[in-house]
PDB file of N, CA and C in Angstrom:
ATOM      1  N   MET A   1     -10.281 140.665 -56.954  1.00  0.00           N
ATOM      2  CA  MET A   1     -11.248 141.131 -55.908  1.00  0.00           C
ATOM      3  C   MET A   1     -10.553 140.932 -54.543  1.00  0.00           C
ATOM      4  N   GLY A   2     -11.080 140.122 -53.701  1.00  0.00           N
ATOM      5  CA  GLY A   2     -10.514 139.858 -52.387  1.00  0.00           C
ATOM      6  C   GLY A   2     -11.268 140.718 -51.302  1.00  0.00           C
ATOM      7  N   PHE A   3     -10.835 140.437 -50.132  1.00  0.00           N
ATOM      8  CA  PHE A   3     -11.401 141.100 -48.926  1.00  0.00           C
ATOM      9  C   PHE A   3     -10.498 142.286 -48.632  1.00  0.00           C
ATOM     10  N   PRO A   4     -11.063 143.386 -47.991  1.00  0.00           N
ATOM     11  CA  PRO A   4     -10.282 144.505 -47.542  1.00  0.00           C
ATOM     12  C   PRO A   4      -9.402 143.992 -46.349  1.00  0.00           C
ATOM     13  N   PRO A   5      -8.248 144.672 -46.107  1.00  0.00           N
ATOM     14  CA  PRO A   5      -7.286 144.237 -45.080  1.00  0.00           C
ATOM     15  C   PRO A   5      -7.902 144.059 -43.661  1.00  0.00           C
ATOM     16  N   GLN A   6      -8.852 144.942 -43.275  1.00  0.00           N
ATOM     17  CA  GLN A   6      -9.473 144.817 -41.958  1.00  0.00           C
ATOM     18  C   GLN A   6     -10.305 143.552 -41.901  1.00  0.00           C
ATOM     19  N   GLN A   7     -10.965 143.196 -42.948  1.00  0.00           N
ATOM     20  CA  GLN A   7     -11.823 142.012 -42.963  1.00  0.00           C
ATOM     21  C   GLN A   7     -10.987 140.745 -42.897  1.00  0.00           C
ATOM     22  N   LYS A   8      -9.763 140.833 -43.579  1.00  0.00           N
ATOM     23  CA  LYS A   8      -8.898 139.670 -43.562  1.00  0.00           C
ATOM     24  C   LYS A   8      -8.408 139.411 -42.156  1.00  0.00           C
ATOM     25  N   ILE A   9      -7.996 140.484 -41.467  1.00  0.00           N
ATOM     26  CA  ILE A   9      -7.518 140.354 -40.095  1.00  0.00           C
ATOM     27  C   ILE A   9      -8.622 139.787 -39.213  1.00  0.00           C
ATOM     28  N   PHE A  10      -9.834 140.341 -39.379  1.00  0.00           N
ATOM     29  CA  PHE A  10     -10.947 139.858 -38.557  1.00  0.00           C
ATOM     30  C   PHE A  10     -11.191 138.355 -38.748  1.00  0.00           C
ATOM     31  N   HIS A  11     -11.161 137.919 -40.015  1.00  0.00           N
ATOM     32  CA  HIS A  11     -11.330 136.482 -40.320  1.00  0.00           C
ATOM     33  C   HIS A  11     -10.240 135.643 -39.729  1.00  0.00           C
ATOM     34  N   LEU A  12      -9.000 136.119 -39.777  1.00  0.00           N
ATOM     35  CA  LEU A  12      -7.900 135.405 -39.134  1.00  0.00           C
ATOM     36  C   LEU A  12      -8.013 135.285 -37.716  1.00  0.00           C
ATOM     37  N   ILE A  13      -8.442 136.351 -37.010  1.00  0.00           N
ATOM     38  CA  ILE A  13      -8.615 136.310 -35.557  1.00  0.00           C
ATOM     39  C   ILE A  13      -9.753 135.302 -35.244  1.00  0.00           C
ATOM     40  N   ILE A  14     -10.845 135.346 -35.902  1.00  0.00           N
ATOM     41  CA  ILE A  14     -11.927 134.399 -35.728  1.00  0.00           C
ATOM     42  C   ILE A  14     -11.475 132.951 -35.952  1.00  0.00           C
ATOM     43  N   PHE A  15     -10.726 132.740 -37.053  1.00  0.00           N
ATOM     44  CA  PHE A  15     -10.253 131.366 -37.355  1.00  0.00           C
ATOM     45  C   PHE A  15      -9.365 130.840 -36.266  1.00  0.00           C
ATOM     46  N   PHE A  16      -8.322 131.635 -35.846  1.00  0.00           N
ATOM     47  CA  PHE A  16      -7.397 131.141 -34.849  1.00  0.00           C
ATOM     48  C   PHE A  16      -8.019 130.998 -33.500  1.00  0.00           C
ATOM     49  N   GLY A  17      -8.976 131.856 -33.154  1.00  0.00           N
ATOM     50  CA  GLY A  17      -9.694 131.682 -31.951  1.00  0.00           C
ATOM     51  C   GLY A  17     -10.506 130.435 -31.910  1.00  0.00           C
ATOM     52  N   TYR A  18     -11.147 130.095 -33.020  1.00  0.00           N
ATOM     53  CA  TYR A  18     -11.899 128.888 -33.184  1.00  0.00           C
ATOM     54  C   TYR A  18     -10.979 127.697 -33.020  1.00  0.00           C
ATOM     55  N   CYS A  19      -9.832 127.719 -33.673  1.00  0.00           N
ATOM     56  CA  CYS A  19      -8.864 126.578 -33.583  1.00  0.00           C
ATOM     57  C   CYS A  19      -8.380 126.388 -32.177  1.00  0.00           C
ATOM     58  N   PHE A  20      -8.151 127.496 -31.446  1.00  0.00           N
ATOM     59  CA  PHE A  20      -7.698 127.455 -30.077  1.00  0.00           C
ATOM     60  C   PHE A  20      -8.762 126.728 -29.189  1.00  0.00           C
ATOM     61  N   CYS A  21     -10.038 127.027 -29.430  1.00  0.00           N
ATOM     62  CA  CYS A  21     -11.125 126.459 -28.599  1.00  0.00           C
ATOM     63  C   CYS A  21     -11.211 124.963 -28.914  1.00  0.00           C
ATOM     64  N   LEU A  22     -11.045 124.525 -30.164  1.00  0.00           N
ATOM     65  CA  LEU A  22     -11.181 123.150 -30.478  1.00  0.00           C
ATOM     66  C   LEU A  22      -9.979 122.316 -29.994  1.00  0.00           C
ATOM     67  N   GLY A  23      -8.784 122.910 -29.937  1.00  0.00           N
ATOM     68  CA  GLY A  23      -7.587 122.169 -29.570  1.00  0.00           C
ATOM     69  C   GLY A  23      -7.294 122.032 -28.121  1.00  0.00           C
ATOM     70  N   ARG A  24      -8.171 122.556 -27.263  1.00  0.00           N
ATOM     71  CA  ARG A  24      -7.907 122.507 -25.804  1.00  0.00           C
ATOM     72  C   ARG A  24      -8.109 121.133 -25.271  1.00  0.00           C
ATOM     73  N   ALA A  25      -7.205 120.664 -24.461  1.00  0.00           N
ATOM     74  CA  ALA A  25      -7.251 119.344 -23.851  1.00  0.00           C
ATOM     75  C   ALA A  25      -8.190 119.422 -22.596  1.00  0.00           C
ATOM     76  N   ILE A  26      -8.798 118.295 -22.307  1.00  0.00           N
ATOM     77  CA  ILE A  26      -9.664 118.196 -21.164  1.00  0.00           C
ATOM     78  C   ILE A  26      -9.033 117.221 -20.159  1.00  0.00           C
ATOM     79  N   ASP A  27      -8.889 117.642 -18.901  1.00  0.00           N
ATOM     80  CA  ASP A  27      -8.361 116.756 -17.896  1.00  0.00           C
ATOM     81  C   ASP A  27      -9.428 115.810 -17.452  1.00  0.00           C
ATOM     82  N   CYS A  28      -9.217 114.517 -17.615  1.00  0.00           N
ATOM     83  CA  CYS A  28     -10.247 113.494 -17.203  1.00  0.00           C
ATOM     84  C   CYS A  28      -9.795 112.809 -15.911  1.00  0.00           C
ATOM     85  N   GLY A  29      -9.048 113.461 -15.106  1.00  0.00           N
ATOM     86  CA  GLY A  29      -8.704 112.841 -13.811  1.00  0.00           C
ATOM     87  C   GLY A  29      -7.427 112.087 -13.810  1.00  0.00           C
ATOM     88  N   GLY A  30      -6.527 112.342 -14.713  1.00  0.00           N
ATOM     89  CA  GLY A  30      -5.213 111.724 -14.615  1.00  0.00           C
ATOM     90  C   GLY A  30      -5.140 110.350 -15.322  1.00  0.00           C
ATOM     91  N   ASN A  31      -4.048 109.656 -15.061  1.00  0.00           N
ATOM     92  CA  ASN A  31      -3.765 108.372 -15.762  1.00  0.00           C
ATOM     93  C   ASN A  31      -4.104 107.205 -14.859  1.00  0.00           C
ATOM     94  N   HIS A  32      -4.821 107.373 -13.821  1.00  0.00           N
ATOM     95  CA  HIS A  32      -5.100 106.263 -12.887  1.00  0.00           C
ATOM     96  C   HIS A  32      -6.129 105.335 -13.451  1.00  0.00           C
ATOM     97  N   VAL A  33      -5.683 104.168 -13.859  1.00  0.00           N
ATOM     98  CA  VAL A  33      -6.602 103.120 -14.364  1.00  0.00           C
ATOM     99  C   VAL A  33      -7.114 102.321 -13.183  1.00  0.00           C
ATOM    100  N   THR A  34      -8.448 102.256 -12.999  1.00  0.00           N
ATOM    101  CA  THR A  34      -9.013 101.600 -11.885  1.00  0.00           C
ATOM    102  C   THR A  34      -9.231 100.100 -12.098  1.00  0.00           C
ATOM    103  N   ASN A  35      -9.317  99.733 -13.365  1.00  0.00           N
ATOM    104  CA  ASN A  35      -9.614  98.321 -13.696  1.00  0.00           C
ATOM    105  C   ASN A  35      -9.005  97.933 -15.018  1.00  0.00           C
ATOM    106  N   ILE A  36      -8.384  96.753 -15.111  1.00  0.00           N
ATOM    107  CA  ILE A  36      -7.887  96.272 -16.339  1.00  0.00           C
ATOM    108  C   ILE A  36      -8.586  95.002 -16.675  1.00  0.00           C
ATOM    109  N   ILE A  37      -9.189  94.990 -17.865  1.00  0.00           N
ATOM    110  CA  ILE A  37      -9.923  93.787 -18.373  1.00  0.00           C
ATOM    111  C   ILE A  37      -9.079  93.207 -19.489  1.00  0.00           C
ATOM    112  N   VAL A  38      -8.782  91.864 -19.361  1.00  0.00           N
ATOM    113  CA  VAL A  38      -7.978  91.200 -20.348  1.00  0.00           C
ATOM    114  C   VAL A  38      -8.880  90.328 -21.217  1.00  0.00           C
ATOM    115  N   VAL A  39      -8.735  90.498 -22.539  1.00  0.00           N
ATOM    116  CA  VAL A  39      -9.439  89.663 -23.559  1.00  0.00           C
ATOM    117  C   VAL A  39      -8.427  88.691 -24.155  1.00  0.00           C
ATOM    118  N   ASP A  40      -8.729  87.414 -24.152  1.00  0.00           N
ATOM    119  CA  ASP A  40      -7.841  86.426 -24.735  1.00  0.00           C
ATOM    120  C   ASP A  40      -8.616  85.325 -25.308  1.00  0.00           C
ATOM    121  N   GLN A  41      -8.373  84.974 -26.553  1.00  0.00           N
ATOM    122  CA  GLN A  41      -9.102  83.911 -27.226  1.00  0.00           C
ATOM    123  C   GLN A  41      -8.885  82.545 -26.607  1.00  0.00           C
ATOM    124  N   GLN A  42      -7.758  82.345 -25.969  1.00  0.00           N
ATOM    125  CA  GLN A  42      -7.410  81.058 -25.398  1.00  0.00           C
ATOM    126  C   GLN A  42      -8.024  80.874 -23.986  1.00  0.00           C
ATOM    127  N   GLY A  43      -8.647  81.877 -23.487  1.00  0.00           N
ATOM    128  CA  GLY A  43      -9.272  81.742 -22.139  1.00  0.00           C
ATOM    129  C   GLY A  43      -8.378  82.194 -21.061  1.00  0.00           C
ATOM    130  N   ARG A  44      -7.229  82.867 -21.315  1.00  0.00           N
ATOM    131  CA  ARG A  44      -6.347  83.260 -20.237  1.00  0.00           C
ATOM    132  C   ARG A  44      -6.640  84.711 -19.731  1.00  0.00           C
ATOM    133  N   GLY A  45      -7.850  85.176 -20.107  1.00  0.00           N
ATOM    134  CA  GLY A  45      -8.274  86.477 -19.678  1.00  0.00           C
ATOM    135  C   GLY A  45      -9.649  86.466 -19.066  1.00  0.00           C
ATOM    136  N   ALA A  46     -10.218  87.547 -18.764  1.00  0.00           N
ATOM    137  CA  ALA A  46     -11.555  87.651 -18.173  1.00  0.00           C
ATOM    138  C   ALA A  46     -12.620  87.339 -19.241  1.00  0.00           C
ATOM    139  N   PHE A  47     -12.296  87.607 -20.525  1.00  0.00           N
ATOM    140  CA  PHE A  47     -13.269  87.376 -21.607  1.00  0.00           C
ATOM    141  C   PHE A  47     -12.568  86.877 -22.835  1.00  0.00           C
ATOM    142  N   LYS A  48     -13.325  86.136 -23.650  1.00  0.00           N
ATOM    143  CA  LYS A  48     -12.798  85.672 -24.935  1.00  0.00           C
ATOM    144  C   LYS A  48     -13.234  86.562 -26.117  1.00  0.00           C
ATOM    145  N   MET A  49     -14.197  87.435 -25.852  1.00  0.00           N
ATOM    146  CA  MET A  49     -14.749  88.299 -26.916  1.00  0.00           C
ATOM    147  C   MET A  49     -14.629  89.767 -26.467  1.00  0.00           C
ATOM    148  N   ILE A  50     -14.195  90.608 -27.390  1.00  0.00           N
ATOM    149  CA  ILE A  50     -14.003  92.040 -27.084  1.00  0.00           C
ATOM    150  C   ILE A  50     -15.311  92.677 -26.687  1.00  0.00           C
ATOM    151  N   GLN A  51     -16.360  92.396 -27.345  1.00  0.00           N
ATOM    152  CA  GLN A  51     -17.670  93.018 -27.156  1.00  0.00           C
ATOM    153  C   GLN A  51     -18.142  92.682 -25.709  1.00  0.00           C
ATOM    154  N   HIS A  52     -17.884  91.427 -25.293  1.00  0.00           N
ATOM    155  CA  HIS A  52     -18.287  91.054 -23.875  1.00  0.00           C
ATOM    156  C   HIS A  52     -17.492  91.911 -22.875  1.00  0.00           C
ATOM    157  N   ALA A  53     -16.230  92.222 -23.071  1.00  0.00           N
ATOM    158  CA  ALA A  53     -15.423  93.017 -22.237  1.00  0.00           C
ATOM    159  C   ALA A  53     -15.987  94.459 -22.219  1.00  0.00           C
ATOM    160  N   ILE A  54     -16.359  94.981 -23.355  1.00  0.00           N
ATOM    161  CA  ILE A  54     -16.938  96.310 -23.377  1.00  0.00           C
ATOM    162  C   ILE A  54     -18.303  96.360 -22.681  1.00  0.00           C
ATOM    163  N   ASP A  55     -19.111  95.348 -22.874  1.00  0.00           N
ATOM    164  CA  ASP A  55     -20.427  95.274 -22.276  1.00  0.00           C
ATOM    165  C   ASP A  55     -20.330  95.087 -20.742  1.00  0.00           C
ATOM    166  N   SER A  56     -19.158  94.615 -20.237  1.00  0.00           N
ATOM    167  CA  SER A  56     -19.098  94.445 -18.788  1.00  0.00           C
ATOM    168  C   SER A  56     -18.889  95.762 -18.009  1.00  0.00           C
ATOM    169  N   ILE A  57     -18.583  96.820 -18.718  1.00  0.00           N
ATOM    170  CA  ILE A  57     -18.379  98.142 -18.064  1.00  0.00           C
ATOM    171  C   ILE A  57     -19.715  98.760 -17.873  1.00  0.00           C
ATOM    172  N   VAL A  58     -20.007  99.143 -16.620  1.00  0.00           N
ATOM    173  CA  VAL A  58     -21.288  99.720 -16.312  1.00  0.00           C
ATOM    174  C   VAL A  58     -21.503 101.061 -17.107  1.00  0.00           C
ATOM    175  N   ASN A  59     -22.781 101.366 -17.395  1.00  0.00           N
ATOM    176  CA  ASN A  59     -23.121 102.506 -18.229  1.00  0.00           C
ATOM    177  C   ASN A  59     -22.659 103.854 -17.643  1.00  0.00           C
ATOM    178  N   ASN A  60     -22.876 104.084 -16.389  1.00  0.00           N
ATOM    179  CA  ASN A  60     -22.538 105.394 -15.802  1.00  0.00           C
ATOM    180  C   ASN A  60     -21.146 105.374 -15.154  1.00  0.00           C
ATOM    181  N   ASN A  61     -20.183 104.590 -15.682  1.00  0.00           N
ATOM    182  CA  ASN A  61     -18.825 104.539 -15.178  1.00  0.00           C
ATOM    183  C   ASN A  61     -18.146 105.848 -15.325  1.00  0.00           C
ATOM    184  N   ASN A  62     -17.452 106.288 -14.297  1.00  0.00           N
ATOM    185  CA  ASN A  62     -16.701 107.528 -14.370  1.00  0.00           C
ATOM    186  C   ASN A  62     -15.253 107.310 -14.007  1.00  0.00           C
ATOM    187  N   GLN A  63     -14.778 106.057 -14.108  1.00  0.00           N
ATOM    188  CA  GLN A  63     -13.402 105.666 -13.798  1.00  0.00           C
ATOM    189  C   GLN A  63     -12.725 105.144 -15.052  1.00  0.00           C
ATOM    190  N   TRP A  64     -11.432 105.273 -15.183  1.00  0.00           N
ATOM    191  CA  TRP A  64     -10.712 104.771 -16.283  1.00  0.00           C
ATOM    192  C   TRP A  64     -10.683 103.232 -16.258  1.00  0.00           C
ATOM    193  N   VAL A  65     -11.015 102.619 -17.361  1.00  0.00           N
ATOM    194  CA  VAL A  65     -10.975 101.161 -17.455  1.00  0.00           C
ATOM    195  C   VAL A  65     -10.183 100.841 -18.744  1.00  0.00           C
ATOM    196  N   LYS A  66      -9.172 100.009 -18.543  1.00  0.00           N
ATOM    197  CA  LYS A  66      -8.286  99.615 -19.697  1.00  0.00           C
ATOM    198  C   LYS A  66      -8.726  98.213 -20.125  1.00  0.00           C
ATOM    199  N   ILE A  67      -8.970  98.060 -21.417  1.00  0.00           N
ATOM    200  CA  ILE A  67      -9.182  96.736 -21.969  1.00  0.00           C
ATOM    201  C   ILE A  67      -7.978  96.335 -22.761  1.00  0.00           C
ATOM    202  N   HIS A  68      -7.272  95.294 -22.252  1.00  0.00           N
ATOM    203  CA  HIS A  68      -6.066  94.799 -22.864  1.00  0.00           C
ATOM    204  C   HIS A  68      -6.455  93.617 -23.741  1.00  0.00           C
ATOM    205  N   ILE A  69      -6.228  93.705 -25.016  1.00  0.00           N
ATOM    206  CA  ILE A  69      -6.562  92.666 -25.956  1.00  0.00           C
ATOM    207  C   ILE A  69      -5.316  91.923 -26.420  1.00  0.00           C
ATOM    208  N   ASN A  70      -5.238  90.686 -26.012  1.00  0.00           N
ATOM    209  CA  ASN A  70      -4.136  89.816 -26.384  1.00  0.00           C
ATOM    210  C   ASN A  70      -4.202  89.512 -27.913  1.00  0.00           C
ATOM    211  N   PRO A  71      -3.056  89.213 -28.530  1.00  0.00           N
ATOM    212  CA  PRO A  71      -3.006  88.986 -29.962  1.00  0.00           C
ATOM    213  C   PRO A  71      -3.946  87.834 -30.381  1.00  0.00           C
ATOM    214  N   GLY A  72      -4.513  87.940 -31.587  1.00  0.00           N
ATOM    215  CA  GLY A  72      -5.397  86.935 -32.114  1.00  0.00           C
ATOM    216  C   GLY A  72      -6.313  87.527 -33.148  1.00  0.00           C
ATOM    217  N   LYS A  73      -7.088  86.705 -33.766  1.00  0.00           N
ATOM    218  CA  LYS A  73      -8.103  87.128 -34.745  1.00  0.00           C
ATOM    219  C   LYS A  73      -9.466  87.174 -34.012  1.00  0.00           C
ATOM    220  N   TYR A  74      -9.977  88.369 -33.926  1.00  0.00           N
ATOM    221  CA  TYR A  74     -11.255  88.530 -33.289  1.00  0.00           C
ATOM    222  C   TYR A  74     -12.264  88.943 -34.412  1.00  0.00           C
ATOM    223  N   VAL A  75     -13.361  88.213 -34.481  1.00  0.00           N
ATOM    224  CA  VAL A  75     -14.335  88.416 -35.502  1.00  0.00           C
ATOM    225  C   VAL A  75     -15.680  88.686 -34.838  1.00  0.00           C
TER     226      VAL A  75
END
């Protein structure tokens, strides 16, 4: 059976068009990190728990914030 050639071409065009739309990158304002939050179990950072660091970021934040997690077992 199969599809007629015109229908195959149509489906390919739709498929690649859809893939192109999904694969587009969005510019979020560059790589400028405005704040770095350090999480360290030994107390050498701003927080000892990862969730507390996440919760410290305001809800309507529109700036890049980096959370640096020092090595350790976080539960």
